[in-house]
């Protein structure tokens, strides 16, 4: 399965209703995001499952893969396309055994980590945070230089994440990445459709990506 990672939406809720949250995801899907990652840190397992089913109903309609953050059990329960894990979740090789041939994304910050996770069975890597972000309280930044080194040292796809705004997209020229993972720049946009279109257009026009 060839994954289009060019504009990768990572969800976040900002005190809005569930209906408004789902509407935001729908607007993003309708206007060009290529992957959706449902990220929920506070929900109970049952609530996460119920929300994931509703989000998958939206992503399925637009034929966009749904990735579940952290939770292999929720991924399997709703038959999502895959799961994305960090270094505080189950090890990559264990997660791979659990999810079988579903998509497996892994967060990394260094070349050594990237090479190891590729070896352990990751399908793609999320590298960052590249810029300061409010999504995570304590975040060690990863330089653009390290990002470029990672893309040169692994054979799997790499997406950049962390504080990515429309204005910063040009900084990724010639880094070799396959996509941008975006949270608040899309989820907090006044016009989500327009923001998605502009970000995707600007990224796809980068010469070296």
N, C-alpha and C. Protein backbone atom coordinates (compact mmCIF):
# COMPACT_ATOMS: atom_id res chain seq x y z
N UNK A 1 0.84 -1.21 0.00
CA UNK A 1 0.00 0.00 0.00
C UNK A 1 0.87 1.25 0.00
N UNK A 2 0.73 2.06 -1.03
CA UNK A 2 1.51 3.29 -1.12
C UNK A 2 0.79 4.39 -0.34
N UNK A 3 1.45 4.86 0.71
CA UNK A 3 0.85 5.87 1.57
C UNK A 3 1.15 7.27 1.07
N UNK A 4 0.12 8.11 0.99
CA UNK A 4 0.31 9.52 0.69
C UNK A 4 0.35 10.25 2.03
N UNK A 5 1.52 10.69 2.43
CA UNK A 5 1.71 11.33 3.74
C UNK A 5 1.86 12.84 3.63
N UNK A 6 1.60 13.39 2.44
CA UNK A 6 1.95 14.79 2.18
C UNK A 6 1.34 15.78 3.17
N UNK A 7 0.06 15.62 3.52
CA UNK A 7 -0.53 16.49 4.54
C UNK A 7 -1.30 15.61 5.52
N UNK A 8 -0.73 15.44 6.66
CA UNK A 8 -1.10 14.44 7.66
C UNK A 8 -1.72 15.18 8.86
N UNK A 9 -3.01 15.04 9.03
CA UNK A 9 -3.70 15.73 10.13
C UNK A 9 -3.63 14.91 11.41
N UNK A 10 -3.09 15.53 12.46
CA UNK A 10 -3.13 14.94 13.80
C UNK A 10 -4.16 15.72 14.59
N UNK A 11 -5.17 15.04 15.10
CA UNK A 11 -6.29 15.75 15.72
C UNK A 11 -5.96 16.25 17.12
N UNK A 12 -6.67 17.29 17.50
CA UNK A 12 -6.66 17.81 18.87
C UNK A 12 -7.99 18.49 19.09
N UNK A 13 -8.50 18.36 20.31
CA UNK A 13 -9.78 19.01 20.61
C UNK A 13 -9.54 20.23 21.49
N UNK A 14 -10.25 21.29 21.19
CA UNK A 14 -10.08 22.56 21.91
C UNK A 14 -11.41 22.99 22.52
N UNK A 15 -11.89 22.18 23.42
CA UNK A 15 -13.12 22.48 24.17
C UNK A 15 -14.38 22.50 23.33
N UNK A 16 -14.29 22.12 22.06
CA UNK A 16 -15.50 22.14 21.23
C UNK A 16 -16.32 20.88 21.46
N UNK A 17 -17.52 20.89 20.98
CA UNK A 17 -18.38 19.71 21.08
C UNK A 17 -17.86 18.61 20.17
N UNK A 18 -18.31 17.39 20.43
CA UNK A 18 -17.92 16.28 19.57
C UNK A 18 -18.39 16.52 18.14
N UNK A 19 -19.57 17.08 18.00
CA UNK A 19 -20.10 17.37 16.66
C UNK A 19 -19.21 18.36 15.92
N UNK A 20 -18.77 19.40 16.61
CA UNK A 20 -17.89 20.40 15.99
C UNK A 20 -16.53 19.79 15.65
N UNK A 21 -16.04 18.92 16.52
CA UNK A 21 -14.76 18.24 16.30
C UNK A 21 -14.83 17.37 15.04
N UNK A 22 -15.89 16.60 14.92
CA UNK A 22 -16.06 15.74 13.74
C UNK A 22 -16.23 16.57 12.47
N UNK A 23 -16.88 17.72 12.59
CA UNK A 23 -17.06 18.61 11.44
C UNK A 23 -15.72 19.15 10.96
N UNK A 24 -14.84 19.48 11.90
CA UNK A 24 -13.50 19.94 11.53
C UNK A 24 -12.75 18.86 10.74
N UNK A 25 -12.83 17.63 11.22
CA UNK A 25 -12.15 16.53 10.53
C UNK A 25 -12.74 16.35 9.14
N UNK A 26 -14.05 16.46 9.03
CA UNK A 26 -14.70 16.31 7.72
C UNK A 26 -14.24 17.40 6.75
N UNK A 27 -14.16 18.64 7.23
CA UNK A 27 -13.71 19.74 6.37
C UNK A 27 -12.29 19.49 5.88
N UNK A 28 -11.44 18.99 6.78
CA UNK A 28 -10.05 18.71 6.42
C UNK A 28 -9.98 17.59 5.39
N UNK A 29 -10.77 16.54 5.59
CA UNK A 29 -10.78 15.41 4.65
C UNK A 29 -11.31 15.83 3.28
N UNK A 30 -12.32 16.64 3.30
CA UNK A 30 -12.96 17.08 2.06
C UNK A 30 -12.03 17.93 1.21
N UNK A 31 -11.09 18.59 1.88
CA UNK A 31 -10.26 19.57 1.17
C UNK A 31 -8.81 19.16 0.96
N UNK A 32 -8.46 17.92 1.29
CA UNK A 32 -7.14 17.47 0.84
C UNK A 32 -6.18 16.84 1.82
N UNK A 33 -6.52 16.71 3.13
CA UNK A 33 -5.58 15.98 3.98
C UNK A 33 -5.50 14.54 3.48
N UNK A 34 -4.34 13.94 3.61
CA UNK A 34 -4.12 12.62 3.02
C UNK A 34 -4.11 11.50 4.06
N UNK A 35 -4.06 11.85 5.34
CA UNK A 35 -4.07 10.88 6.42
C UNK A 35 -4.60 11.58 7.66
N UNK A 36 -5.32 10.86 8.49
CA UNK A 36 -5.81 11.42 9.76
C UNK A 36 -5.34 10.53 10.90
N UNK A 37 -4.71 11.16 11.90
CA UNK A 37 -4.31 10.45 13.11
C UNK A 37 -5.16 10.95 14.27
N UNK A 38 -5.94 10.05 14.85
CA UNK A 38 -6.76 10.41 16.00
C UNK A 38 -5.92 10.31 17.25
N UNK A 39 -5.69 11.44 17.89
CA UNK A 39 -4.86 11.46 19.10
C UNK A 39 -5.70 11.92 20.30
N UNK A 40 -5.88 11.04 21.25
CA UNK A 40 -6.62 11.32 22.47
C UNK A 40 -5.83 10.79 23.66
N UNK A 41 -5.50 11.65 24.60
CA UNK A 41 -4.69 11.24 25.74
C UNK A 41 -5.49 11.05 27.03
N UNK A 42 -6.68 11.62 27.09
CA UNK A 42 -7.42 11.64 28.34
C UNK A 42 -8.64 10.73 28.38
N UNK A 43 -9.07 10.24 27.24
CA UNK A 43 -10.32 9.47 27.20
C UNK A 43 -10.17 8.08 27.79
N UNK A 44 -11.26 7.57 28.33
CA UNK A 44 -11.29 6.17 28.74
C UNK A 44 -11.23 5.30 27.48
N UNK A 45 -10.94 4.04 27.67
CA UNK A 45 -10.86 3.13 26.53
C UNK A 45 -12.18 3.09 25.77
N UNK A 46 -13.30 3.01 26.51
CA UNK A 46 -14.61 2.94 25.85
C UNK A 46 -14.91 4.22 25.06
N UNK A 47 -14.60 5.37 25.68
CA UNK A 47 -14.87 6.65 25.01
C UNK A 47 -13.98 6.81 23.78
N UNK A 48 -12.74 6.36 23.88
CA UNK A 48 -11.81 6.44 22.75
C UNK A 48 -12.34 5.56 21.60
N UNK A 49 -12.80 4.37 21.95
CA UNK A 49 -13.36 3.45 20.96
C UNK A 49 -14.57 4.06 20.25
N UNK A 50 -15.49 4.64 21.03
CA UNK A 50 -16.70 5.22 20.44
C UNK A 50 -16.36 6.40 19.53
N UNK A 51 -15.41 7.24 19.96
CA UNK A 51 -15.02 8.38 19.14
C UNK A 51 -14.30 7.90 17.87
N UNK A 52 -13.45 6.90 18.02
CA UNK A 52 -12.72 6.38 16.85
C UNK A 52 -13.67 5.84 15.79
N UNK A 53 -14.74 5.20 16.21
CA UNK A 53 -15.73 4.69 15.25
C UNK A 53 -16.34 5.84 14.46
N UNK A 54 -16.65 6.93 15.15
CA UNK A 54 -17.26 8.09 14.48
C UNK A 54 -16.28 8.77 13.53
N UNK A 55 -15.03 8.88 13.94
CA UNK A 55 -14.02 9.49 13.08
C UNK A 55 -13.79 8.61 11.86
N UNK A 56 -13.75 7.30 12.06
CA UNK A 56 -13.53 6.38 10.95
C UNK A 56 -14.68 6.43 9.93
N UNK A 57 -15.88 6.69 10.42
CA UNK A 57 -17.01 6.84 9.51
C UNK A 57 -16.75 8.00 8.53
N UNK A 58 -16.14 9.07 9.05
CA UNK A 58 -15.81 10.24 8.22
C UNK A 58 -14.66 9.91 7.27
N UNK A 59 -13.57 9.36 7.80
CA UNK A 59 -12.40 9.09 6.96
C UNK A 59 -12.70 8.04 5.89
N UNK A 60 -13.50 7.05 6.24
CA UNK A 60 -13.87 6.02 5.25
C UNK A 60 -14.63 6.65 4.08
N UNK A 61 -15.51 7.59 4.40
CA UNK A 61 -16.31 8.24 3.35
C UNK A 61 -15.40 8.91 2.31
N UNK A 62 -14.29 9.49 2.80
CA UNK A 62 -13.37 10.20 1.90
C UNK A 62 -12.19 9.32 1.46
N UNK A 63 -12.23 8.05 1.82
CA UNK A 63 -11.18 7.09 1.45
C UNK A 63 -9.80 7.55 1.94
N UNK A 64 -9.77 8.01 3.19
CA UNK A 64 -8.53 8.47 3.80
C UNK A 64 -8.16 7.53 4.95
N UNK A 65 -6.93 7.05 5.01
CA UNK A 65 -6.54 6.14 6.09
C UNK A 65 -6.65 6.81 7.46
N UNK A 66 -7.15 6.07 8.43
CA UNK A 66 -7.21 6.53 9.82
C UNK A 66 -6.14 5.81 10.63
N UNK A 67 -5.32 6.59 11.29
CA UNK A 67 -4.28 6.07 12.17
C UNK A 67 -4.68 6.39 13.61
N UNK A 68 -4.57 5.42 14.50
CA UNK A 68 -4.88 5.64 15.91
C UNK A 68 -3.59 5.89 16.68
N UNK A 69 -3.56 6.93 17.47
CA UNK A 69 -2.38 7.26 18.27
C UNK A 69 -2.28 6.33 19.47
N UNK A 70 -1.14 5.72 19.64
CA UNK A 70 -0.79 4.92 20.83
C UNK A 70 -1.46 3.56 20.96
N UNK A 71 -2.73 3.45 20.65
CA UNK A 71 -3.53 2.32 21.09
C UNK A 71 -3.77 1.27 20.01
N UNK A 72 -2.95 0.21 20.05
CA UNK A 72 -3.12 -0.89 19.10
C UNK A 72 -4.47 -1.57 19.28
N UNK A 73 -4.96 -1.61 20.53
CA UNK A 73 -6.26 -2.26 20.78
C UNK A 73 -7.40 -1.50 20.12
N UNK A 74 -7.36 -0.17 20.19
CA UNK A 74 -8.41 0.64 19.56
C UNK A 74 -8.30 0.52 18.04
N UNK A 75 -7.08 0.51 17.53
CA UNK A 75 -6.85 0.35 16.10
C UNK A 75 -7.51 -0.93 15.59
N UNK A 76 -7.29 -2.02 16.29
CA UNK A 76 -7.88 -3.29 15.87
C UNK A 76 -9.38 -3.31 16.08
N UNK A 77 -9.84 -2.71 17.18
CA UNK A 77 -11.27 -2.73 17.50
C UNK A 77 -12.12 -2.04 16.45
N UNK A 78 -11.60 -0.96 15.87
CA UNK A 78 -12.38 -0.23 14.86
C UNK A 78 -11.90 -0.52 13.44
N UNK A 79 -10.93 -1.40 13.32
CA UNK A 79 -10.33 -1.75 12.03
C UNK A 79 -9.79 -0.52 11.32
N UNK A 80 -9.03 0.29 12.07
CA UNK A 80 -8.36 1.45 11.48
C UNK A 80 -7.23 0.98 10.59
N UNK A 81 -6.70 1.89 9.78
CA UNK A 81 -5.63 1.53 8.85
C UNK A 81 -4.33 1.22 9.56
N UNK A 82 -4.13 1.83 10.75
CA UNK A 82 -2.89 1.59 11.46
C UNK A 82 -2.81 2.31 12.78
N UNK A 83 -1.61 2.30 13.37
CA UNK A 83 -1.38 2.90 14.68
C UNK A 83 -0.06 3.66 14.64
N UNK A 84 0.03 4.73 15.45
CA UNK A 84 1.27 5.49 15.57
C UNK A 84 1.70 5.47 17.03
N UNK A 85 2.96 5.11 17.27
CA UNK A 85 3.44 4.98 18.64
C UNK A 85 4.67 5.85 18.89
N UNK A 86 4.87 6.15 20.19
CA UNK A 86 6.07 6.85 20.62
C UNK A 86 6.92 5.92 21.46
N UNK A 87 7.97 6.47 22.10
CA UNK A 87 8.87 5.59 22.85
C UNK A 87 8.35 5.22 24.23
N UNK A 88 7.17 5.72 24.60
CA UNK A 88 6.59 5.32 25.89
C UNK A 88 5.46 4.31 25.71
N UNK A 89 5.27 3.83 24.48
CA UNK A 89 4.28 2.78 24.22
C UNK A 89 4.97 1.42 24.13
N UNK A 90 4.21 0.40 23.71
CA UNK A 90 4.82 -0.91 23.51
C UNK A 90 5.95 -0.82 22.49
N UNK A 91 6.96 -1.66 22.60
CA UNK A 91 8.05 -1.64 21.62
C UNK A 91 7.52 -1.87 20.20
N UNK A 92 8.23 -1.33 19.25
CA UNK A 92 7.80 -1.41 17.85
C UNK A 92 7.60 -2.85 17.38
N UNK A 93 8.54 -3.73 17.72
CA UNK A 93 8.43 -5.11 17.25
C UNK A 93 7.22 -5.82 17.87
N UNK A 94 6.87 -5.45 19.10
CA UNK A 94 5.70 -6.04 19.76
C UNK A 94 4.42 -5.51 19.12
N UNK A 95 4.38 -4.19 18.88
CA UNK A 95 3.22 -3.59 18.22
C UNK A 95 3.00 -4.20 16.84
N UNK A 96 4.10 -4.44 16.12
CA UNK A 96 3.99 -5.05 14.79
C UNK A 96 3.35 -6.43 14.88
N UNK A 97 3.71 -7.21 15.88
CA UNK A 97 3.12 -8.53 16.05
C UNK A 97 1.62 -8.43 16.33
N UNK A 98 1.22 -7.41 17.08
CA UNK A 98 -0.18 -7.23 17.45
C UNK A 98 -1.02 -6.81 16.25
N UNK A 99 -0.53 -5.86 15.47
CA UNK A 99 -1.36 -5.29 14.39
C UNK A 99 -1.17 -5.98 13.04
N UNK A 100 -0.22 -6.89 12.96
CA UNK A 100 -0.03 -7.59 11.69
C UNK A 100 0.45 -6.67 10.59
N UNK A 101 -0.23 -6.70 9.45
CA UNK A 101 0.25 -5.90 8.30
C UNK A 101 -0.40 -4.52 8.22
N UNK A 102 -1.04 -4.06 9.30
CA UNK A 102 -1.55 -2.69 9.30
C UNK A 102 -0.39 -1.70 9.32
N UNK A 103 -0.68 -0.44 9.03
CA UNK A 103 0.34 0.61 8.99
C UNK A 103 0.87 0.88 10.39
N UNK A 104 2.19 1.00 10.50
CA UNK A 104 2.81 1.30 11.79
C UNK A 104 3.73 2.50 11.66
N UNK A 105 3.37 3.60 12.33
CA UNK A 105 4.20 4.79 12.38
C UNK A 105 4.85 4.92 13.74
N UNK A 106 6.07 5.45 13.78
CA UNK A 106 6.80 5.57 15.03
C UNK A 106 7.45 6.95 15.12
N UNK A 107 7.35 7.58 16.30
CA UNK A 107 7.98 8.88 16.53
C UNK A 107 9.45 8.70 16.89
N UNK A 108 10.32 9.50 16.26
CA UNK A 108 11.76 9.44 16.55
C UNK A 108 12.33 10.85 16.59
N UNK A 109 13.54 10.95 17.18
CA UNK A 109 14.20 12.25 17.26
C UNK A 109 15.64 12.23 16.75
N UNK A 110 16.17 11.04 16.45
CA UNK A 110 17.57 10.95 16.05
C UNK A 110 17.75 9.95 14.92
N UNK A 111 18.91 10.01 14.29
CA UNK A 111 19.23 9.09 13.20
C UNK A 111 19.29 7.66 13.73
N UNK A 112 19.93 7.48 14.89
CA UNK A 112 20.06 6.13 15.45
C UNK A 112 18.70 5.53 15.76
N UNK A 113 17.82 6.33 16.34
CA UNK A 113 16.45 5.89 16.63
C UNK A 113 15.73 5.52 15.34
N UNK A 114 15.87 6.36 14.35
CA UNK A 114 15.19 6.14 13.07
C UNK A 114 15.62 4.82 12.44
N UNK A 115 16.92 4.56 12.44
CA UNK A 115 17.44 3.33 11.85
C UNK A 115 16.93 2.11 12.62
N UNK A 116 16.90 2.22 13.95
CA UNK A 116 16.44 1.11 14.78
C UNK A 116 14.96 0.82 14.55
N UNK A 117 14.14 1.87 14.48
CA UNK A 117 12.70 1.66 14.29
C UNK A 117 12.39 1.12 12.90
N UNK A 118 13.16 1.52 11.91
CA UNK A 118 13.00 0.93 10.59
C UNK A 118 13.28 -0.57 10.66
N UNK A 119 14.35 -0.94 11.34
CA UNK A 119 14.74 -2.34 11.48
C UNK A 119 13.66 -3.13 12.22
N UNK A 120 13.01 -2.49 13.20
CA UNK A 120 12.02 -3.19 14.02
C UNK A 120 10.64 -3.29 13.34
N UNK A 121 10.47 -2.65 12.19
CA UNK A 121 9.25 -2.86 11.43
C UNK A 121 8.35 -1.66 11.20
N UNK A 122 8.84 -0.44 11.48
CA UNK A 122 8.03 0.75 11.22
C UNK A 122 7.83 0.93 9.72
N UNK A 123 6.65 1.43 9.34
CA UNK A 123 6.36 1.74 7.94
C UNK A 123 6.73 3.18 7.59
N UNK A 124 6.63 4.06 8.58
CA UNK A 124 7.02 5.45 8.37
C UNK A 124 7.42 6.03 9.72
N UNK A 125 8.11 7.17 9.69
CA UNK A 125 8.60 7.81 10.91
C UNK A 125 8.05 9.23 11.02
N UNK A 126 7.67 9.60 12.24
CA UNK A 126 7.31 10.98 12.54
C UNK A 126 8.47 11.61 13.28
N UNK A 127 9.06 12.65 12.72
CA UNK A 127 10.26 13.25 13.31
C UNK A 127 9.95 14.64 13.86
N UNK A 128 10.34 14.86 15.09
CA UNK A 128 10.10 16.17 15.70
C UNK A 128 10.09 16.10 17.21
N UNK A 129 9.74 17.20 17.83
CA UNK A 129 9.18 18.41 17.25
C UNK A 129 10.26 19.25 16.56
N UNK A 130 9.91 19.71 15.35
CA UNK A 130 10.84 20.52 14.59
C UNK A 130 10.85 21.96 15.10
N UNK A 131 9.67 22.49 15.39
CA UNK A 131 9.54 23.84 15.94
C UNK A 131 8.82 23.76 17.29
N UNK A 132 8.92 24.79 18.11
CA UNK A 132 8.20 24.78 19.39
C UNK A 132 6.70 24.57 19.18
N UNK A 133 6.09 23.80 20.06
CA UNK A 133 4.68 23.47 19.91
C UNK A 133 3.99 23.49 21.26
N UNK A 134 2.72 23.85 21.26
CA UNK A 134 1.93 23.84 22.49
C UNK A 134 1.21 22.51 22.68
N UNK A 135 1.31 21.62 21.67
CA UNK A 135 0.59 20.34 21.75
C UNK A 135 1.17 19.44 22.83
N UNK A 136 2.49 19.49 22.99
CA UNK A 136 3.15 18.71 24.05
C UNK A 136 3.84 19.68 25.00
N UNK A 137 3.67 19.43 26.31
CA UNK A 137 4.19 20.38 27.31
C UNK A 137 5.71 20.42 27.34
N UNK A 138 6.36 19.25 27.32
CA UNK A 138 7.81 19.22 27.32
C UNK A 138 8.27 18.56 26.03
N UNK A 139 8.91 19.35 25.21
CA UNK A 139 9.31 18.85 23.89
C UNK A 139 10.74 19.25 23.57
N UNK A 140 11.57 18.24 23.31
CA UNK A 140 12.94 18.49 22.87
C UNK A 140 12.90 18.64 21.35
N UNK A 141 13.42 19.74 20.86
CA UNK A 141 13.34 20.01 19.43
C UNK A 141 14.36 19.19 18.63
N UNK A 142 13.98 18.87 17.40
CA UNK A 142 14.86 18.18 16.45
C UNK A 142 15.18 19.16 15.33
N UNK A 143 16.44 19.31 15.01
CA UNK A 143 16.83 20.30 14.00
C UNK A 143 16.47 19.85 12.60
N UNK A 144 16.39 20.83 11.71
CA UNK A 144 16.15 20.52 10.29
C UNK A 144 17.31 19.71 9.73
N UNK A 145 18.51 19.94 10.26
CA UNK A 145 19.68 19.18 9.81
C UNK A 145 19.53 17.70 10.16
N UNK A 146 19.09 17.44 11.39
CA UNK A 146 18.87 16.04 11.82
C UNK A 146 17.76 15.41 11.00
N UNK A 147 16.72 16.18 10.74
CA UNK A 147 15.62 15.69 9.91
C UNK A 147 16.14 15.25 8.55
N UNK A 148 16.96 16.07 7.94
CA UNK A 148 17.51 15.74 6.63
C UNK A 148 18.41 14.50 6.70
N UNK A 149 19.21 14.39 7.75
CA UNK A 149 20.07 13.23 7.93
C UNK A 149 19.24 11.95 8.05
N UNK A 150 18.12 12.04 8.76
CA UNK A 150 17.25 10.87 8.92
C UNK A 150 16.71 10.42 7.57
N UNK A 151 16.23 11.37 6.77
CA UNK A 151 15.67 10.99 5.47
C UNK A 151 16.74 10.35 4.57
N UNK A 152 17.98 10.73 4.77
CA UNK A 152 19.07 10.18 3.97
C UNK A 152 19.51 8.79 4.44
N UNK A 153 19.23 8.48 5.71
CA UNK A 153 19.73 7.24 6.30
C UNK A 153 18.69 6.12 6.40
N UNK A 154 17.44 6.40 6.10
CA UNK A 154 16.41 5.35 6.15
C UNK A 154 15.72 5.23 4.79
N UNK A 155 15.16 4.05 4.56
CA UNK A 155 14.49 3.79 3.28
C UNK A 155 12.98 3.99 3.37
N UNK A 156 12.46 4.16 4.59
CA UNK A 156 11.01 4.34 4.76
C UNK A 156 10.66 5.83 4.77
N UNK A 157 9.37 6.11 4.66
CA UNK A 157 8.91 7.50 4.59
C UNK A 157 9.09 8.24 5.90
N UNK A 158 9.30 9.54 5.79
CA UNK A 158 9.50 10.40 6.95
C UNK A 158 8.56 11.60 6.85
N UNK A 159 7.88 11.89 7.97
CA UNK A 159 7.08 13.11 8.05
C UNK A 159 7.61 13.97 9.19
N UNK A 160 7.56 15.26 9.02
CA UNK A 160 7.98 16.20 10.05
C UNK A 160 6.76 16.61 10.86
N UNK A 161 6.96 16.82 12.17
CA UNK A 161 5.88 17.26 13.04
C UNK A 161 6.40 18.25 14.07
N UNK A 162 5.51 19.10 14.55
CA UNK A 162 5.86 20.01 15.63
C UNK A 162 5.90 21.46 15.24
N UNK A 163 4.85 22.19 15.57
CA UNK A 163 4.82 23.63 15.34
C UNK A 163 4.81 24.04 13.89
N UNK A 164 4.35 23.17 13.01
CA UNK A 164 4.39 23.46 11.57
C UNK A 164 3.23 24.37 11.17
N UNK A 165 3.59 25.49 10.58
CA UNK A 165 2.60 26.44 10.08
C UNK A 165 2.77 26.60 8.57
N UNK A 166 1.79 27.21 7.96
CA UNK A 166 1.86 27.44 6.51
C UNK A 166 3.11 28.23 6.15
N UNK A 167 3.45 29.23 6.98
CA UNK A 167 4.58 30.11 6.69
C UNK A 167 5.92 29.37 6.77
N UNK A 168 5.98 28.27 7.51
CA UNK A 168 7.25 27.57 7.71
C UNK A 168 7.49 26.45 6.70
N UNK A 169 6.53 26.19 5.84
CA UNK A 169 6.64 25.05 4.93
C UNK A 169 7.89 25.13 4.05
N UNK A 170 8.23 26.34 3.58
CA UNK A 170 9.38 26.48 2.68
C UNK A 170 10.69 26.07 3.33
N UNK A 171 10.73 26.06 4.67
CA UNK A 171 11.95 25.66 5.37
C UNK A 171 12.26 24.17 5.18
N UNK A 172 11.28 23.41 4.71
CA UNK A 172 11.48 21.97 4.52
C UNK A 172 12.00 21.62 3.13
N UNK A 173 12.25 22.63 2.30
CA UNK A 173 12.77 22.37 0.97
C UNK A 173 14.11 21.63 1.08
N UNK A 174 14.25 20.56 0.32
CA UNK A 174 15.46 19.74 0.26
C UNK A 174 15.78 18.99 1.56
N UNK A 175 14.77 18.78 2.41
CA UNK A 175 14.99 17.92 3.58
C UNK A 175 14.73 16.46 3.25
N UNK A 176 14.02 16.22 2.15
CA UNK A 176 13.76 14.84 1.74
C UNK A 176 12.54 14.20 2.36
N UNK A 177 11.74 14.97 3.10
CA UNK A 177 10.57 14.39 3.76
C UNK A 177 9.44 14.09 2.77
N UNK A 178 8.58 13.17 3.18
CA UNK A 178 7.43 12.81 2.35
C UNK A 178 6.16 13.55 2.77
N UNK A 179 6.19 14.20 3.92
CA UNK A 179 4.98 14.89 4.34
C UNK A 179 5.14 15.71 5.61
N UNK A 180 4.07 16.45 5.92
CA UNK A 180 3.99 17.29 7.10
C UNK A 180 2.85 16.81 7.98
N UNK A 181 3.13 16.62 9.26
CA UNK A 181 2.08 16.28 10.22
C UNK A 181 1.71 17.56 10.95
N UNK A 182 0.43 17.92 10.87
CA UNK A 182 -0.02 19.23 11.34
C UNK A 182 -1.15 19.08 12.35
N UNK A 183 -1.09 19.85 13.42
CA UNK A 183 -2.13 19.79 14.45
C UNK A 183 -2.90 21.12 14.47
N UNK A 184 -2.45 22.07 15.27
CA UNK A 184 -3.23 23.28 15.53
C UNK A 184 -3.40 24.19 14.32
N UNK A 185 -2.43 24.21 13.41
CA UNK A 185 -2.54 25.09 12.23
C UNK A 185 -3.79 24.74 11.42
N UNK A 186 -4.18 23.46 11.45
CA UNK A 186 -5.42 23.06 10.78
C UNK A 186 -6.60 23.06 11.74
N UNK A 187 -6.44 22.44 12.90
CA UNK A 187 -7.57 22.28 13.83
C UNK A 187 -8.08 23.61 14.38
N UNK A 188 -7.19 24.63 14.41
CA UNK A 188 -7.61 25.95 14.93
C UNK A 188 -7.87 26.96 13.81
N UNK A 189 -7.75 26.54 12.57
CA UNK A 189 -7.93 27.47 11.46
C UNK A 189 -9.36 27.98 11.38
N UNK A 190 -9.51 29.26 11.02
CA UNK A 190 -10.85 29.83 10.87
C UNK A 190 -11.55 29.23 9.67
N UNK A 191 -10.78 28.97 8.61
CA UNK A 191 -11.32 28.33 7.41
C UNK A 191 -10.45 27.11 7.14
N UNK A 192 -10.86 25.96 7.67
CA UNK A 192 -10.06 24.75 7.59
C UNK A 192 -9.84 24.32 6.14
N UNK A 193 -10.89 24.38 5.34
CA UNK A 193 -10.78 23.97 3.95
C UNK A 193 -9.72 24.76 3.21
N UNK A 194 -9.75 26.06 3.37
CA UNK A 194 -8.78 26.94 2.71
C UNK A 194 -7.37 26.67 3.22
N UNK A 195 -7.23 26.51 4.53
CA UNK A 195 -5.91 26.26 5.13
C UNK A 195 -5.32 24.96 4.61
N UNK A 196 -6.12 23.90 4.57
CA UNK A 196 -5.66 22.61 4.07
C UNK A 196 -5.20 22.72 2.62
N UNK A 197 -6.02 23.34 1.81
CA UNK A 197 -5.69 23.49 0.39
C UNK A 197 -4.37 24.24 0.21
N UNK A 198 -4.20 25.34 0.94
CA UNK A 198 -3.00 26.16 0.79
C UNK A 198 -1.76 25.44 1.27
N UNK A 199 -1.87 24.72 2.41
CA UNK A 199 -0.71 24.02 2.94
C UNK A 199 -0.30 22.87 2.02
N UNK A 200 -1.28 22.13 1.53
CA UNK A 200 -0.96 21.01 0.65
C UNK A 200 -0.35 21.51 -0.65
N UNK A 201 -0.90 22.57 -1.18
CA UNK A 201 -0.39 23.13 -2.43
C UNK A 201 1.04 23.61 -2.26
N UNK A 202 1.30 24.31 -1.15
CA UNK A 202 2.63 24.85 -0.91
C UNK A 202 3.65 23.71 -0.72
N UNK A 203 3.25 22.65 -0.03
CA UNK A 203 4.18 21.53 0.18
C UNK A 203 4.47 20.77 -1.11
N UNK A 204 3.42 20.51 -1.88
CA UNK A 204 3.62 19.73 -3.11
C UNK A 204 4.46 20.49 -4.14
N UNK A 205 4.51 21.80 -4.01
CA UNK A 205 5.31 22.61 -4.94
C UNK A 205 6.77 22.77 -4.51
N UNK A 206 7.12 22.27 -3.31
CA UNK A 206 8.51 22.33 -2.86
C UNK A 206 9.37 21.45 -3.79
N UNK A 207 10.46 21.99 -4.28
CA UNK A 207 11.31 21.25 -5.23
C UNK A 207 11.92 20.00 -4.60
N UNK A 208 12.51 20.14 -3.43
CA UNK A 208 13.24 19.02 -2.85
C UNK A 208 12.46 18.26 -1.79
N UNK A 209 11.37 18.79 -1.38
CA UNK A 209 10.50 18.23 -0.33
C UNK A 209 11.26 17.67 0.87
